[in-house]
N, C-alpha and C. Protein backbone atom coordinates (compact mmCIF):
# COMPACT_ATOMS: atom_id res chain seq x y z
N MET A 1 7.03 -22.53 -20.69
CA MET A 1 6.31 -21.44 -20.04
C MET A 1 5.57 -20.66 -21.12
N ASP A 2 4.27 -20.61 -21.00
CA ASP A 2 3.49 -19.88 -21.98
C ASP A 2 2.95 -18.59 -21.38
N ILE A 3 2.13 -17.88 -22.13
CA ILE A 3 1.63 -16.58 -21.71
C ILE A 3 0.73 -16.69 -20.48
N ASN A 4 0.02 -17.78 -20.32
CA ASN A 4 -0.85 -17.94 -19.15
C ASN A 4 -0.05 -18.07 -17.86
N ASP A 5 1.10 -18.71 -17.92
CA ASP A 5 1.97 -18.77 -16.74
C ASP A 5 2.48 -17.39 -16.37
N LEU A 6 2.82 -16.60 -17.37
CA LEU A 6 3.28 -15.23 -17.13
C LEU A 6 2.17 -14.39 -16.52
N ARG A 7 0.97 -14.54 -17.02
CA ARG A 7 -0.18 -13.81 -16.46
C ARG A 7 -0.44 -14.21 -15.02
N ALA A 8 -0.37 -15.48 -14.73
CA ALA A 8 -0.60 -15.95 -13.36
C ALA A 8 0.49 -15.42 -12.42
N ALA A 9 1.73 -15.45 -12.86
CA ALA A 9 2.82 -14.93 -12.04
C ALA A 9 2.66 -13.43 -11.80
N THR A 10 2.25 -12.69 -12.81
CA THR A 10 2.03 -11.25 -12.66
C THR A 10 0.90 -10.98 -11.67
N THR A 11 -0.15 -11.77 -11.72
CA THR A 11 -1.25 -11.60 -10.79
C THR A 11 -0.81 -11.88 -9.35
N VAL A 12 -0.07 -12.93 -9.15
CA VAL A 12 0.40 -13.28 -7.81
C VAL A 12 1.34 -12.21 -7.27
N ILE A 13 2.25 -11.74 -8.08
CA ILE A 13 3.19 -10.69 -7.66
C ILE A 13 2.44 -9.41 -7.33
N SER A 14 1.47 -9.04 -8.13
CA SER A 14 0.67 -7.84 -7.87
C SER A 14 -0.10 -7.97 -6.56
N PHE A 15 -0.65 -9.15 -6.30
CA PHE A 15 -1.38 -9.36 -5.06
C PHE A 15 -0.46 -9.26 -3.85
N VAL A 16 0.72 -9.81 -3.94
CA VAL A 16 1.68 -9.74 -2.83
C VAL A 16 2.08 -8.29 -2.58
N ILE A 17 2.30 -7.53 -3.64
CA ILE A 17 2.64 -6.11 -3.48
C ILE A 17 1.47 -5.36 -2.84
N PHE A 18 0.25 -5.65 -3.26
CA PHE A 18 -0.94 -5.02 -2.69
C PHE A 18 -1.04 -5.30 -1.19
N ILE A 19 -0.86 -6.55 -0.80
CA ILE A 19 -0.91 -6.91 0.62
C ILE A 19 0.20 -6.19 1.40
N GLY A 20 1.38 -6.07 0.80
CA GLY A 20 2.47 -5.35 1.44
C GLY A 20 2.14 -3.89 1.67
N ILE A 21 1.51 -3.26 0.70
CA ILE A 21 1.11 -1.86 0.85
C ILE A 21 0.05 -1.72 1.94
N MET A 22 -0.88 -2.66 1.99
CA MET A 22 -1.92 -2.60 3.02
C MET A 22 -1.33 -2.76 4.42
N VAL A 23 -0.39 -3.67 4.58
CA VAL A 23 0.27 -3.86 5.88
C VAL A 23 1.03 -2.60 6.27
N TRP A 24 1.72 -1.99 5.31
CA TRP A 24 2.47 -0.77 5.59
C TRP A 24 1.53 0.37 5.97
N ALA A 25 0.43 0.52 5.24
CA ALA A 25 -0.49 1.64 5.47
C ALA A 25 -1.20 1.53 6.81
N PHE A 26 -1.48 0.33 7.26
CA PHE A 26 -2.23 0.16 8.50
C PHE A 26 -1.36 -0.23 9.69
N SER A 27 -0.04 -0.11 9.55
CA SER A 27 0.82 -0.44 10.68
C SER A 27 0.75 0.65 11.74
N ARG A 28 0.85 0.25 12.97
CA ARG A 28 0.78 1.22 14.07
C ARG A 28 1.96 2.19 14.05
N ARG A 29 3.06 1.77 13.50
CA ARG A 29 4.25 2.60 13.46
C ARG A 29 4.04 3.87 12.62
N ASN A 30 3.19 3.79 11.60
CA ASN A 30 2.95 4.93 10.71
C ASN A 30 1.73 5.75 11.11
N LYS A 31 1.03 5.36 12.14
CA LYS A 31 -0.22 6.03 12.50
C LYS A 31 -0.02 7.51 12.80
N GLU A 32 0.99 7.85 13.56
CA GLU A 32 1.22 9.26 13.91
C GLU A 32 1.53 10.09 12.69
N ASP A 33 2.32 9.57 11.78
CA ASP A 33 2.66 10.31 10.57
C ASP A 33 1.42 10.55 9.71
N PHE A 34 0.57 9.54 9.59
CA PHE A 34 -0.64 9.70 8.78
C PHE A 34 -1.65 10.62 9.45
N GLU A 35 -1.71 10.60 10.77
CA GLU A 35 -2.60 11.51 11.48
C GLU A 35 -2.17 12.97 11.24
N ALA A 36 -0.88 13.21 11.32
CA ALA A 36 -0.37 14.56 11.09
C ALA A 36 -0.61 14.98 9.63
N ALA A 37 -0.42 14.09 8.70
CA ALA A 37 -0.63 14.41 7.30
C ALA A 37 -2.10 14.67 7.00
N SER A 38 -3.00 13.99 7.70
CA SER A 38 -4.41 14.19 7.45
C SER A 38 -4.90 15.54 7.92
N LYS A 39 -4.19 16.15 8.85
CA LYS A 39 -4.59 17.45 9.38
C LYS A 39 -3.97 18.62 8.62
N LEU A 40 -3.03 18.35 7.73
CA LEU A 40 -2.37 19.43 7.00
C LEU A 40 -3.32 20.30 6.18
N PRO A 41 -4.28 19.76 5.46
CA PRO A 41 -5.17 20.64 4.67
C PRO A 41 -6.03 21.56 5.52
N LEU A 42 -6.24 21.19 6.79
CA LEU A 42 -7.09 21.99 7.65
C LEU A 42 -6.33 23.04 8.43
N ASP A 43 -5.01 22.96 8.43
CA ASP A 43 -4.21 23.95 9.16
C ASP A 43 -4.22 25.27 8.41
N GLN A 44 -4.55 26.32 9.14
CA GLN A 44 -4.54 27.66 8.56
C GLN A 44 -3.63 28.53 9.41
N ASP A 45 -2.48 28.77 8.91
CA ASP A 45 -1.52 29.58 9.68
C ASP A 45 -1.78 31.06 9.50
């Protein structure tokens, strides 16, 4: 195993983590939480 194999593995792992974050961010289950969080800066009590 040389440095190029390590670089390729790091790239693949990073891509899988990125896809996981995208799936989590755009899941319907989190939509309500993100909608509420997006309105927080505009709330003036």
